[in-house]
Amino acid sequence: MSALIQTFENVGLNWFIPFLRLLRGESPSEQFRQILLNIGVPILAMLIFLGAWSWVAGHVKVSFGSVPGPAAVWAQAGVMWDAYRADRASEADFYVKQAEKKKTFLAENPGGTWKERKYSGAPTYIDQIFTSLKTVFAGFLIAAFVAVPLGIICGLSKVFNNAMNPFIQLFKPVSPLAWLPIVMIMVSALYNPKDPMFEKSFISSAFTVALCSLWPALINTSLGVAQIDNDYLNVARVLKLGWWKKITKIVIPSALPLIFTGLRLSLGVGWMVLIAAEMLAQNPGLGKFVWDMFQNGSSDTLAQIMVAVFTIGIIGFILDRIMMILQRAVSFDNATIR
């Protein structure tokens, strides 16, 4: 049971811990108080929010009708899920029919060349979620590969840190809306293969995410390296470790908790930036979905935008939990991470 409680603590699911402590026979009054605090209060707050939302939906009229309430938004979520399932069924049917046609073709034309075709249905809402995840992880990885090495050098060299500081202070607050046109122009100029592996809109969105999300990782990595105990660095000198061994054996392990703090913040920033980038770059994903629904301008599409808002929030929460688990796995002081 203790291991299970520790697991829930590590993944940030503290709501369930009082139930486990009750099963273990610990102070029922204290556990019920924790259940009320951890679960009862949030549920009450959610009910108040839903009530206020329903009231606003019933009293506010917009140009294309009424504001959808919670029930309408839930109904649209069901419609979008049904559309996804119908599309998957159509896709499976397409490939079954293609296999039958291929079999017939090869029977009639032994040795003939059959050209496989891909299913060309429009991307569903679920498909766009996965496209957004692919884009944000591409941007996040680019940011991490740039920010962590630069942060290590900044932390080790005061001269390099002073050289980088003006750029960090200058570019850190720049909005993705300002970066995106520049990135799109550069991508159009530099990326023109005959058989492109990635769409230009995907590359533009990913690099915009990277440009906006690399700063937290860079700053925290630099801070983590700068705070390494001098005794560790002296040990490296005494042992006459080479530069690479010093980095991999002393610097990175010592700074890893703050490096992960920066990466966690960077992923959160990247997820926020992604929606704006996809809207403007017209890269398939949640941002483009929101923009397309806005252009349609109906009560149903407004409800679908609200579904997207909740989806973005839930995925952002899950990504943060995943990074927190990784951060705790490499941190020496788990109690400080929430």
C-alpha atoms as a PDB file:
ATOM      1  CA  MET A   1       0.000   0.000   0.000  1.00  0.00           C
ATOM      2  CA  SER A   2       2.852   2.391   0.820  1.00  0.00           C
ATOM      3  CA  ALA A   3       4.325   1.816  -2.619  1.00  0.00           C
ATOM      4  CA  LEU A   4       0.957   2.604  -4.209  1.00  0.00           C
ATOM      5  CA  ILE A   5       0.645   5.815  -2.187  1.00  0.00           C
ATOM      6  CA  GLN A   6       4.163   6.807  -3.233  1.00  0.00           C
ATOM      7  CA  THR A   7       3.272   6.114  -6.866  1.00  0.00           C
ATOM      8  CA  PHE A   8       0.197   8.367  -6.681  1.00  0.00           C
ATOM      9  CA  GLU A   9       2.318  11.080  -5.070  1.00  0.00           C
ATOM     10  CA  ASN A  10       4.936  10.777  -7.804  1.00  0.00           C
ATOM     11  CA  VAL A  11       2.385  11.137 -10.598  1.00  0.00           C
ATOM     12  CA  GLY A  12       0.679  14.057  -8.847  1.00  0.00           C
ATOM     13  CA  LEU A  13      -2.625  12.258  -8.213  1.00  0.00           C
ATOM     14  CA  ASN A  14      -2.871  13.212  -4.552  1.00  0.00           C
ATOM     15  CA  TRP A  15      -6.684  13.150  -4.658  1.00  0.00           C
ATOM     16  CA  PHE A  16      -6.747   9.360  -4.310  1.00  0.00           C
ATOM     17  CA  ILE A  17      -4.277   9.087  -1.458  1.00  0.00           C
ATOM     18  CA  PRO A  18      -6.819   9.655   1.393  1.00  0.00           C
ATOM     19  CA  PHE A  19      -8.832   6.664   0.086  1.00  0.00           C
ATOM     20  CA  LEU A  20      -5.721   4.498   0.232  1.00  0.00           C
ATOM     21  CA  ARG A  21      -4.919   5.750   3.729  1.00  0.00           C
ATOM     22  CA  LEU A  22      -8.497   4.897   4.784  1.00  0.00           C
ATOM     23  CA  LEU A  23      -8.011   1.362   3.467  1.00  0.00           C
ATOM     24  CA  ARG A  24      -4.809   1.214   5.487  1.00  0.00           C
ATOM     25  CA  GLY A  25      -6.783   2.181   8.617  1.00  0.00           C
ATOM     26  CA  GLU A  26      -5.308   5.620   9.196  1.00  0.00           C
ATOM     27  CA  SER A  27      -7.330   8.267  11.108  1.00  0.00           C
ATOM     28  CA  PRO A  28     -10.775   8.253   9.358  1.00  0.00           C
ATOM     29  CA  SER A  29     -11.645  11.821  10.437  1.00  0.00           C
ATOM     30  CA  GLU A  30      -8.417  13.206   8.990  1.00  0.00           C
ATOM     31  CA  GLN A  31      -8.818  11.234   5.745  1.00  0.00           C
ATOM     32  CA  PHE A  32     -12.436  12.367   5.289  1.00  0.00           C
ATOM     33  CA  ARG A  33     -11.284  15.932   5.850  1.00  0.00           C
ATOM     34  CA  GLN A  34      -8.631  15.460   3.144  1.00  0.00           C
ATOM     35  CA  ILE A  35     -11.201  13.901   0.777  1.00  0.00           C
ATOM     36  CA  LEU A  36     -13.500  16.877   1.319  1.00  0.00           C
ATOM     37  CA  LEU A  37     -10.618  19.273   0.735  1.00  0.00           C
ATOM     38  CA  ASN A  38      -9.051  17.497  -2.267  1.00  0.00           C
ATOM     39  CA  ILE A  39     -12.204  16.316  -4.050  1.00  0.00           C
ATOM     40  CA  GLY A  40     -15.278  17.942  -2.503  1.00  0.00           C
ATOM     41  CA  VAL A  41     -14.063  21.529  -2.872  1.00  0.00           C
ATOM     42  CA  PRO A  42     -12.983  21.149  -6.543  1.00  0.00           C
ATOM     43  CA  ILE A  43     -16.293  19.424  -7.396  1.00  0.00           C
ATOM     44  CA  LEU A  44     -18.212  22.255  -5.714  1.00  0.00           C
ATOM     45  CA  ALA A  45     -16.162  24.826  -7.636  1.00  0.00           C
ATOM     46  CA  MET A  46     -16.838  22.948 -10.883  1.00  0.00           C
ATOM     47  CA  LEU A  47     -20.593  22.859 -10.184  1.00  0.00           C
ATOM     48  CA  ILE A  48     -20.582  26.618  -9.544  1.00  0.00           C
ATOM     49  CA  PHE A  49     -18.670  27.115 -12.798  1.00  0.00           C
ATOM     50  CA  LEU A  50     -21.134  24.958 -14.765  1.00  0.00           C
ATOM     51  CA  GLY A  51     -24.082  26.779 -13.186  1.00  0.00           C
ATOM     52  CA  ALA A  52     -22.631  30.182 -14.075  1.00  0.00           C
ATOM     53  CA  TRP A  53     -21.852  28.960 -17.595  1.00  0.00           C
ATOM     54  CA  SER A  54     -25.431  27.679 -18.048  1.00  0.00           C
ATOM     55  CA  TRP A  55     -26.814  30.999 -16.836  1.00  0.00           C
ATOM     56  CA  VAL A  56     -24.628  32.962 -19.264  1.00  0.00           C
ATOM     57  CA  ALA A  57     -25.565  30.594 -22.116  1.00  0.00           C
ATOM     58  CA  GLY A  58     -29.255  31.177 -21.442  1.00  0.00           C
ATOM     59  CA  HIS A  59     -29.026  34.968 -21.259  1.00  0.00           C
ATOM     60  CA  VAL A  60     -26.365  36.001 -23.789  1.00  0.00           C
ATOM     61  CA  LYS A  61     -27.208  36.136 -27.482  1.00  0.00           C
ATOM     62  CA  VAL A  62     -24.541  36.404 -30.172  1.00  0.00           C
ATOM     63  CA  SER A  63     -24.767  37.194 -33.894  1.00  0.00           C
ATOM     64  CA  PHE A  64     -25.428  33.578 -34.899  1.00  0.00           C
ATOM     65  CA  GLY A  65     -27.716  32.554 -32.061  1.00  0.00           C
ATOM     66  CA  SER A  66     -27.158  31.599 -28.449  1.00  0.00           C
ATOM     67  CA  VAL A  67     -24.008  30.745 -26.572  1.00  0.00           C
ATOM     68  CA  PRO A  68     -23.832  26.944 -26.171  1.00  0.00           C
ATOM     69  CA  GLY A  69     -24.150  25.685 -22.632  1.00  0.00           C
ATOM     70  CA  PRO A  70     -22.429  22.675 -21.046  1.00  0.00           C
ATOM     71  CA  ALA A  71     -25.021  20.209 -22.404  1.00  0.00           C
ATOM     72  CA  ALA A  72     -24.624  21.517 -25.971  1.00  0.00           C
ATOM     73  CA  VAL A  73     -20.841  21.336 -25.731  1.00  0.00           C
ATOM     74  CA  TRP A  74     -21.030  17.777 -24.412  1.00  0.00           C
ATOM     75  CA  ALA A  75     -23.384  16.850 -27.257  1.00  0.00           C
ATOM     76  CA  GLN A  76     -20.951  18.282 -29.824  1.00  0.00           C
ATOM     77  CA  ALA A  77     -18.112  16.297 -28.237  1.00  0.00           C
ATOM     78  CA  GLY A  78     -20.214  13.188 -28.887  1.00  0.00           C
ATOM     79  CA  VAL A  79     -20.864  14.283 -32.481  1.00  0.00           C
ATOM     80  CA  MET A  80     -17.122  14.753 -33.064  1.00  0.00           C
ATOM     81  CA  TRP A  81     -16.336  11.343 -31.576  1.00  0.00           C
ATOM     82  CA  ASP A  82     -19.010   9.711 -33.755  1.00  0.00           C
ATOM     83  CA  ALA A  83     -17.522  11.462 -36.810  1.00  0.00           C
ATOM     84  CA  TYR A  84     -14.091  10.044 -35.900  1.00  0.00           C
ATOM     85  CA  ARG A  85     -15.466   6.511 -35.569  1.00  0.00           C
ATOM     86  CA  ALA A  86     -17.371   6.833 -38.857  1.00  0.00           C
ATOM     87  CA  ASP A  87     -14.200   8.034 -40.603  1.00  0.00           C
ATOM     88  CA  ARG A  88     -12.168   5.127 -39.215  1.00  0.00           C
ATOM     89  CA  ALA A  89     -14.862   2.733 -40.454  1.00  0.00           C
ATOM     90  CA  SER A  90     -14.732   4.383 -43.902  1.00  0.00           C
ATOM     91  CA  GLU A  91     -10.945   4.086 -43.901  1.00  0.00           C
ATOM     92  CA  ALA A  92     -11.073   0.386 -43.014  1.00  0.00           C
ATOM     93  CA  ASP A  93     -13.702  -0.190 -45.709  1.00  0.00           C
ATOM     94  CA  PHE A  94     -11.542   1.664 -48.254  1.00  0.00           C
ATOM     95  CA  TYR A  95      -8.530  -0.574 -47.595  1.00  0.00           C
ATOM     96  CA  VAL A  96     -10.647  -3.735 -47.670  1.00  0.00           C
ATOM     97  CA  LYS A  97     -12.049  -2.745 -51.067  1.00  0.00           C
ATOM     98  CA  GLN A  98      -8.587  -1.791 -52.288  1.00  0.00           C
ATOM     99  CA  ALA A  99      -7.248  -5.199 -51.262  1.00  0.00           C
ATOM    100  CA  GLU A 100     -10.087  -6.888 -53.168  1.00  0.00           C
ATOM    101  CA  LYS A 101      -9.412  -4.750 -56.253  1.00  0.00           C
ATOM    102  CA  LYS A 102      -5.703  -5.526 -56.027  1.00  0.00           C
ATOM    103  CA  LYS A 103      -6.417  -9.241 -55.804  1.00  0.00           C
ATOM    104  CA  THR A 104      -8.707  -9.090 -58.851  1.00  0.00           C
ATOM    105  CA  PHE A 105      -6.230  -6.935 -60.791  1.00  0.00           C
ATOM    106  CA  LEU A 106      -3.315  -9.281 -60.160  1.00  0.00           C
ATOM    107  CA  ALA A 107      -5.459 -12.274 -61.069  1.00  0.00           C
ATOM    108  CA  GLU A 108      -6.366 -10.679 -64.383  1.00  0.00           C
ATOM    109  CA  ASN A 109      -2.908  -9.176 -64.988  1.00  0.00           C
ATOM    110  CA  PRO A 110      -0.230 -11.537 -63.642  1.00  0.00           C
ATOM    111  CA  GLY A 111       3.004  -9.621 -63.169  1.00  0.00           C
ATOM    112  CA  GLY A 112       1.197  -6.304 -63.508  1.00  0.00           C
ATOM    113  CA  THR A 113       2.088  -3.287 -61.376  1.00  0.00           C
ATOM    114  CA  TRP A 114      -0.505  -2.286 -58.783  1.00  0.00           C
ATOM    115  CA  LYS A 115      -0.362   1.220 -57.353  1.00  0.00           C
ATOM    116  CA  GLU A 116      -1.408   1.446 -53.708  1.00  0.00           C
ATOM    117  CA  ARG A 117      -3.501   4.475 -52.795  1.00  0.00           C
ATOM    118  CA  LYS A 118      -3.799   6.143 -49.437  1.00  0.00           C
ATOM    119  CA  TYR A 119      -7.108   6.937 -47.817  1.00  0.00           C
ATOM    120  CA  SER A 120      -7.825  10.602 -48.539  1.00  0.00           C
ATOM    121  CA  GLY A 121     -10.595  11.407 -46.067  1.00  0.00           C
ATOM    122  CA  ALA A 122     -10.541  14.786 -44.327  1.00  0.00           C
ATOM    123  CA  PRO A 123      -8.732  14.747 -40.961  1.00  0.00           C
ATOM    124  CA  THR A 124     -11.095  14.295 -38.043  1.00  0.00           C
ATOM    125  CA  TYR A 125     -10.887  16.147 -34.745  1.00  0.00           C
ATOM    126  CA  ILE A 126      -8.948  13.260 -33.152  1.00  0.00           C
ATOM    127  CA  ASP A 127      -6.514  13.277 -36.093  1.00  0.00           C
ATOM    128  CA  GLN A 128      -5.946  17.000 -35.559  1.00  0.00           C
ATOM    129  CA  ILE A 129      -5.159  16.393 -31.880  1.00  0.00           C
ATOM    130  CA  PHE A 130      -2.400  13.949 -32.836  1.00  0.00           C
ATOM    131  CA  THR A 131      -1.113  16.373 -35.480  1.00  0.00           C
ATOM    132  CA  SER A 132      -0.844  19.091 -32.837  1.00  0.00           C
ATOM    133  CA  LEU A 133       0.986  16.721 -30.485  1.00  0.00           C
ATOM    134  CA  LYS A 134       3.420  15.804 -33.255  1.00  0.00           C
ATOM    135  CA  THR A 135       4.044  19.479 -33.997  1.00  0.00           C
ATOM    136  CA  VAL A 136       4.554  20.518 -30.381  1.00  0.00           C
ATOM    137  CA  PHE A 137       6.946  17.640 -29.686  1.00  0.00           C
ATOM    138  CA  ALA A 138       8.938  18.482 -32.831  1.00  0.00           C
ATOM    139  CA  GLY A 139       9.240  22.107 -31.670  1.00  0.00           C
ATOM    140  CA  PHE A 140       9.993  21.038 -28.108  1.00  0.00           C
ATOM    141  CA  LEU A 141      12.789  18.690 -29.191  1.00  0.00           C
ATOM    142  CA  ILE A 142      14.352  21.408 -31.373  1.00  0.00           C
ATOM    143  CA  ALA A 143      14.167  23.819 -28.429  1.00  0.00           C
ATOM    144  CA  ALA A 144      15.667  21.269 -26.022  1.00  0.00           C
ATOM    145  CA  PHE A 145      18.568  20.405 -28.347  1.00  0.00           C
ATOM    146  CA  VAL A 146      19.411  24.099 -28.668  1.00  0.00           C
ATOM    147  CA  ALA A 147      18.628  25.341 -25.158  1.00  0.00           C
ATOM    148  CA  VAL A 148      20.292  22.695 -22.984  1.00  0.00           C
ATOM    149  CA  PRO A 149      23.783  22.860 -24.552  1.00  0.00           C
ATOM    150  CA  LEU A 150      23.649  26.667 -24.657  1.00  0.00           C
ATOM    151  CA  GLY A 151      22.457  26.750 -21.050  1.00  0.00           C
ATOM    152  CA  ILE A 152      25.332  24.497 -19.948  1.00  0.00           C
ATOM    153  CA  ILE A 153      27.871  26.751 -21.641  1.00  0.00           C
ATOM    154  CA  CYS A 154      26.203  29.843 -20.135  1.00  0.00           C
ATOM    155  CA  GLY A 155      26.390  28.268 -16.675  1.00  0.00           C
ATOM    156  CA  LEU A 156      30.057  27.318 -17.044  1.00  0.00           C
ATOM    157  CA  SER A 157      31.301  30.517 -18.693  1.00  0.00           C
ATOM    158  CA  LYS A 158      30.488  33.958 -17.317  1.00  0.00           C
ATOM    159  CA  VAL A 159      31.833  35.521 -20.522  1.00  0.00           C
ATOM    160  CA  PHE A 160      29.529  33.443 -22.712  1.00  0.00           C
ATOM    161  CA  ASN A 161      26.626  34.105 -20.337  1.00  0.00           C
ATOM    162  CA  ASN A 162      27.195  37.865 -20.606  1.00  0.00           C
ATOM    163  CA  ALA A 163      27.333  37.532 -24.380  1.00  0.00           C
ATOM    164  CA  MET A 164      24.065  35.602 -24.505  1.00  0.00           C
ATOM    165  CA  ASN A 165      22.169  37.655 -21.929  1.00  0.00           C
ATOM    166  CA  PRO A 166      21.179  40.532 -24.278  1.00  0.00           C
ATOM    167  CA  PHE A 167      19.749  38.051 -26.788  1.00  0.00           C
ATOM    168  CA  ILE A 168      17.811  36.233 -24.059  1.00  0.00           C
ATOM    169  CA  GLN A 169      16.359  39.461 -22.680  1.00  0.00           C
ATOM    170  CA  LEU A 170      15.570  40.726 -26.187  1.00  0.00           C
ATOM    171  CA  PHE A 171      13.937  37.656 -27.706  1.00  0.00           C
ATOM    172  CA  LYS A 172      12.350  35.989 -24.667  1.00  0.00           C
ATOM    173  CA  PRO A 173       9.217  38.206 -24.613  1.00  0.00           C
ATOM    174  CA  VAL A 174       8.619  38.104 -28.377  1.00  0.00           C
ATOM    175  CA  SER A 175       5.170  36.769 -29.262  1.00  0.00           C
ATOM    176  CA  PRO A 176       4.739  33.794 -31.621  1.00  0.00           C
ATOM    177  CA  LEU A 177       2.607  36.104 -33.777  1.00  0.00           C
ATOM    178  CA  ALA A 178       5.762  38.142 -34.450  1.00  0.00           C
ATOM    179  CA  TRP A 179       8.034  35.133 -34.995  1.00  0.00           C
ATOM    180  CA  LEU A 180       5.743  33.243 -37.352  1.00  0.00           C
ATOM    181  CA  PRO A 181       5.937  35.524 -40.445  1.00  0.00           C
ATOM    182  CA  ILE A 182       9.736  35.551 -40.195  1.00  0.00           C
ATOM    183  CA  VAL A 183       9.861  31.779 -39.820  1.00  0.00           C
ATOM    184  CA  MET A 184       7.467  31.256 -42.741  1.00  0.00           C
ATOM    185  CA  ILE A 185       9.558  33.480 -45.012  1.00  0.00           C
ATOM    186  CA  MET A 186      12.774  31.688 -44.022  1.00  0.00           C
ATOM    187  CA  VAL A 187      11.228  28.242 -44.470  1.00  0.00           C
ATOM    188  CA  SER A 188       9.901  29.218 -47.910  1.00  0.00           C
ATOM    189  CA  ALA A 189      13.373  30.424 -48.891  1.00  0.00           C
ATOM    190  CA  LEU A 190      15.383  27.509 -47.509  1.00  0.00           C
ATOM    191  CA  TYR A 191      13.097  24.473 -47.697  1.00  0.00           C
ATOM    192  CA  ASN A 192      12.168  23.582 -51.273  1.00  0.00           C
ATOM    193  CA  PRO A 193      12.850  19.850 -51.805  1.00  0.00           C
ATOM    194  CA  LYS A 194      11.362  18.058 -54.812  1.00  0.00           C
ATOM    195  CA  ASP A 195       9.823  15.376 -52.624  1.00  0.00           C
ATOM    196  CA  PRO A 196       9.275  17.066 -49.229  1.00  0.00           C
ATOM    197  CA  MET A 197       9.145  14.868 -46.153  1.00  0.00           C
ATOM    198  CA  PHE A 198       7.266  17.536 -44.171  1.00  0.00           C
ATOM    199  CA  GLU A 199       4.812  20.258 -45.121  1.00  0.00           C
ATOM    200  CA  LYS A 200       6.131  23.806 -44.922  1.00  0.00           C
ATOM    201  CA  SER A 201       3.306  24.747 -42.561  1.00  0.00           C
ATOM    202  CA  PHE A 202       4.375  21.964 -40.183  1.00  0.00           C
ATOM    203  CA  ILE A 203       8.005  23.128 -40.195  1.00  0.00           C
ATOM    204  CA  SER A 204       6.949  26.764 -39.705  1.00  0.00           C
ATOM    205  CA  SER A 205       4.744  25.845 -36.743  1.00  0.00           C
ATOM    206  CA  ALA A 206       7.394  23.590 -35.176  1.00  0.00           C
ATOM    207  CA  PHE A 207      10.163  26.220 -35.441  1.00  0.00           C
ATOM    208  CA  THR A 208       7.861  28.928 -34.075  1.00  0.00           C
ATOM    209  CA  VAL A 209       7.119  26.694 -31.093  1.00  0.00           C
ATOM    210  CA  ALA A 210      10.854  26.092 -30.672  1.00  0.00           C
ATOM    211  CA  LEU A 211      11.720  29.810 -30.810  1.00  0.00           C
ATOM    212  CA  CYS A 212       9.162  30.669 -28.148  1.00  0.00           C
ATOM    213  CA  SER A 213       9.745  27.720 -25.831  1.00  0.00           C
ATOM    214  CA  LEU A 214      13.530  27.432 -25.697  1.00  0.00           C
ATOM    215  CA  TRP A 215      14.051  30.299 -23.236  1.00  0.00           C
ATOM    216  CA  PRO A 216      12.774  28.639 -20.019  1.00  0.00           C
ATOM    217  CA  ALA A 217      14.969  25.592 -20.676  1.00  0.00           C
ATOM    218  CA  LEU A 218      17.988  27.752 -21.482  1.00  0.00           C
ATOM    219  CA  ILE A 219      17.629  29.976 -18.400  1.00  0.00           C
ATOM    220  CA  ASN A 220      16.962  27.119 -15.972  1.00  0.00           C
ATOM    221  CA  THR A 221      19.792  25.018 -17.389  1.00  0.00           C
ATOM    222  CA  SER A 222      22.170  27.956 -17.036  1.00  0.00           C
ATOM    223  CA  LEU A 223      20.963  28.555 -13.472  1.00  0.00           C
ATOM    224  CA  GLY A 224      21.293  24.870 -12.570  1.00  0.00           C
ATOM    225  CA  VAL A 225      24.843  24.665 -13.900  1.00  0.00           C
ATOM    226  CA  ALA A 226      25.865  27.944 -12.236  1.00  0.00           C
ATOM    227  CA  GLN A 227      24.632  26.650  -8.864  1.00  0.00           C
ATOM    228  CA  ILE A 228      26.687  23.449  -8.926  1.00  0.00           C
ATOM    229  CA  ASP A 229      28.676  23.084  -5.732  1.00  0.00           C
ATOM    230  CA  ASN A 230      32.291  24.068  -6.340  1.00  0.00           C
ATOM    231  CA  ASP A 231      33.381  20.929  -4.489  1.00  0.00           C
ATOM    232  CA  TYR A 232      32.017  18.840  -7.366  1.00  0.00           C
ATOM    233  CA  LEU A 233      33.954  20.895  -9.902  1.00  0.00           C
ATOM    234  CA  ASN A 234      37.088  20.667  -7.736  1.00  0.00           C
ATOM    235  CA  VAL A 235      36.730  16.891  -7.707  1.00  0.00           C
ATOM    236  CA  ALA A 236      36.650  16.996 -11.511  1.00  0.00           C
ATOM    237  CA  ARG A 237      39.872  19.035 -11.492  1.00  0.00           C
ATOM    238  CA  VAL A 238      41.565  16.709  -9.004  1.00  0.00           C
ATOM    239  CA  LEU A 239      40.605  13.679 -11.060  1.00  0.00           C
ATOM    240  CA  LYS A 240      41.741  15.540 -14.198  1.00  0.00           C
ATOM    241  CA  LEU A 241      38.531  14.705 -15.993  1.00  0.00           C
ATOM    242  CA  GLY A 242      38.353  15.752 -19.600  1.00  0.00           C
ATOM    243  CA  TRP A 243      35.810  18.326 -20.770  1.00  0.00           C
ATOM    244  CA  TRP A 244      33.312  15.747 -22.007  1.00  0.00           C
ATOM    245  CA  LYS A 245      33.558  13.586 -18.860  1.00  0.00           C
ATOM    246  CA  LYS A 246      33.215  16.668 -16.683  1.00  0.00           C
ATOM    247  CA  ILE A 247      30.028  17.624 -18.516  1.00  0.00           C
ATOM    248  CA  THR A 248      28.490  14.155 -18.535  1.00  0.00           C
ATOM    249  CA  LYS A 249      29.661  12.937 -15.102  1.00  0.00           C
ATOM    250  CA  ILE A 250      29.492  16.100 -12.986  1.00  0.00           C
ATOM    251  CA  VAL A 251      27.687  19.017 -14.633  1.00  0.00           C
ATOM    252  CA  ILE A 252      24.599  17.417 -16.179  1.00  0.00           C
ATOM    253  CA  PRO A 253      23.761  15.070 -13.248  1.00  0.00           C
ATOM    254  CA  SER A 254      24.123  17.953 -10.774  1.00  0.00           C
ATOM    255  CA  ALA A 255      21.992  20.356 -12.808  1.00  0.00           C
ATOM    256  CA  LEU A 256      19.435  17.793 -13.978  1.00  0.00           C
ATOM    257  CA  PRO A 257      16.576  18.845 -11.625  1.00  0.00           C
ATOM    258  CA  LEU A 258      16.671  22.448 -12.850  1.00  0.00           C
ATOM    259  CA  ILE A 259      17.181  21.318 -16.451  1.00  0.00           C
ATOM    260  CA  PHE A 260      13.946  19.344 -16.187  1.00  0.00           C
ATOM    261  CA  THR A 261      12.226  22.292 -14.529  1.00  0.00           C
ATOM    262  CA  GLY A 262      13.134  24.354 -17.585  1.00  0.00           C
ATOM    263  CA  LEU A 263      12.041  21.616 -19.990  1.00  0.00           C
ATOM    264  CA  ARG A 264       8.723  21.295 -18.169  1.00  0.00           C
ATOM    265  CA  LEU A 265       8.136  25.045 -18.494  1.00  0.00           C
ATOM    266  CA  SER A 266       9.246  24.966 -22.133  1.00  0.00           C
ATOM    267  CA  LEU A 267       6.762  22.231 -23.012  1.00  0.00           C
ATOM    268  CA  GLY A 268       3.957  24.222 -21.364  1.00  0.00           C
ATOM    269  CA  VAL A 269       4.922  27.361 -23.277  1.00  0.00           C
ATOM    270  CA  GLY A 270       5.204  25.373 -26.503  1.00  0.00           C
ATOM    271  CA  TRP A 271       1.710  23.925 -26.085  1.00  0.00           C
ATOM    272  CA  MET A 272       0.275  27.431 -25.561  1.00  0.00           C
ATOM    273  CA  VAL A 273       2.176  28.862 -28.521  1.00  0.00           C
ATOM    274  CA  LEU A 274       1.210  26.006 -30.823  1.00  0.00           C
ATOM    275  CA  ILE A 275      -2.441  27.013 -31.186  1.00  0.00           C
ATOM    276  CA  ALA A 276      -1.587  30.517 -32.422  1.00  0.00           C
ATOM    277  CA  ALA A 277       1.118  29.132 -34.724  1.00  0.00           C
ATOM    278  CA  GLU A 278      -1.242  26.583 -36.280  1.00  0.00           C
ATOM    279  CA  MET A 279      -3.924  29.232 -36.755  1.00  0.00           C
ATOM    280  CA  LEU A 280      -1.668  31.543 -38.729  1.00  0.00           C
ATOM    281  CA  ALA A 281       0.418  28.912 -40.533  1.00  0.00           C
ATOM    282  CA  GLN A 282      -2.740  26.948 -41.456  1.00  0.00           C
ATOM    283  CA  ASN A 283      -0.972  23.815 -40.318  1.00  0.00           C
ATOM    284  CA  PRO A 284      -3.493  21.023 -39.611  1.00  0.00           C
ATOM    285  CA  GLY A 285      -4.080  20.740 -35.888  1.00  0.00           C
ATOM    286  CA  LEU A 286      -6.139  22.125 -33.050  1.00  0.00           C
ATOM    287  CA  GLY A 287      -5.257  25.738 -33.897  1.00  0.00           C
ATOM    288  CA  LYS A 288      -6.455  25.390 -37.487  1.00  0.00           C
ATOM    289  CA  PHE A 289      -9.523  23.513 -36.264  1.00  0.00           C
ATOM    290  CA  VAL A 290     -10.441  26.407 -33.943  1.00  0.00           C
ATOM    291  CA  TRP A 291      -9.906  28.931 -36.738  1.00  0.00           C
ATOM    292  CA  ASP A 292     -11.979  26.926 -39.243  1.00  0.00           C
ATOM    293  CA  MET A 293     -14.828  26.582 -36.737  1.00  0.00           C
ATOM    294  CA  PHE A 294     -14.667  30.331 -36.044  1.00  0.00           C
ATOM    295  CA  GLN A 295     -14.955  31.012 -39.763  1.00  0.00           C
ATOM    296  CA  ASN A 296     -18.065  28.801 -39.967  1.00  0.00           C
ATOM    297  CA  GLY A 297     -19.773  30.973 -37.338  1.00  0.00           C
ATOM    298  CA  SER A 298     -22.630  28.884 -35.960  1.00  0.00           C
ATOM    299  CA  SER A 299     -23.808  27.815 -32.536  1.00  0.00           C
ATOM    300  CA  ASP A 300     -22.642  24.234 -33.191  1.00  0.00           C
ATOM    301  CA  THR A 301     -19.176  25.329 -34.289  1.00  0.00           C
ATOM    302  CA  LEU A 302     -18.891  27.596 -31.235  1.00  0.00           C
ATOM    303  CA  ALA A 303     -19.664  24.520 -29.122  1.00  0.00           C
ATOM    304  CA  GLN A 304     -16.930  22.637 -31.009  1.00  0.00           C
ATOM    305  CA  ILE A 305     -14.493  25.462 -30.281  1.00  0.00           C
ATOM    306  CA  MET A 306     -15.325  25.040 -26.603  1.00  0.00           C
ATOM    307  CA  VAL A 307     -14.664  21.306 -26.930  1.00  0.00           C
ATOM    308  CA  ALA A 308     -11.261  22.240 -28.370  1.00  0.00           C
ATOM    309  CA  VAL A 309     -10.622  24.609 -25.450  1.00  0.00           C
ATOM    310  CA  PHE A 310     -11.258  21.835 -22.926  1.00  0.00           C
ATOM    311  CA  THR A 311      -9.179  19.405 -25.006  1.00  0.00           C
ATOM    312  CA  ILE A 312      -6.253  21.832 -25.068  1.00  0.00           C
ATOM    313  CA  GLY A 313      -6.496  22.282 -21.308  1.00  0.00           C
ATOM    314  CA  ILE A 314      -6.702  18.554 -20.568  1.00  0.00           C
ATOM    315  CA  ILE A 315      -3.786  17.695 -22.862  1.00  0.00           C
ATOM    316  CA  GLY A 316      -1.751  20.540 -21.357  1.00  0.00           C
ATOM    317  CA  PHE A 317      -2.459  19.120 -17.896  1.00  0.00           C
ATOM    318  CA  ILE A 318      -1.440  15.600 -18.976  1.00  0.00           C
ATOM    319  CA  LEU A 319       1.793  16.872 -20.577  1.00  0.00           C
ATOM    320  CA  ASP A 320       2.615  18.767 -17.389  1.00  0.00           C
ATOM    321  CA  ARG A 321       1.993  15.637 -15.270  1.00  0.00           C
ATOM    322  CA  ILE A 322       4.273  13.596 -17.537  1.00  0.00           C
ATOM    323  CA  MET A 323       7.064  16.150 -17.275  1.00  0.00           C
ATOM    324  CA  MET A 324       6.548  16.376 -13.502  1.00  0.00           C
ATOM    325  CA  ILE A 325       6.947  12.598 -13.189  1.00  0.00           C
ATOM    326  CA  LEU A 326      10.178  12.755 -15.204  1.00  0.00           C
ATOM    327  CA  GLN A 327      11.332  15.723 -13.127  1.00  0.00           C
ATOM    328  CA  ARG A 328      10.690  13.864  -9.875  1.00  0.00           C
ATOM    329  CA  ALA A 329      12.515  10.848 -11.234  1.00  0.00           C
ATOM    330  CA  VAL A 330      15.706  12.897 -11.570  1.00  0.00           C
ATOM    331  CA  SER A 331      15.223  15.296  -8.635  1.00  0.00           C
ATOM    332  CA  PHE A 332      16.891  14.981  -5.279  1.00  0.00           C
ATOM    333  CA  ASP A 333      14.101  16.914  -3.532  1.00  0.00           C
ATOM    334  CA  ASN A 334      10.709  15.702  -4.756  1.00  0.00           C
ATOM    335  CA  ALA A 335       8.851  17.660  -2.082  1.00  0.00           C
ATOM    336  CA  THR A 336       9.661  20.952  -3.802  1.00  0.00           C
ATOM    337  CA  ILE A 337       8.046  19.914  -7.093  1.00  0.00           C
ATOM    338  CA  ARG A 338       4.309  20.475  -7.512  1.00  0.00           C
END
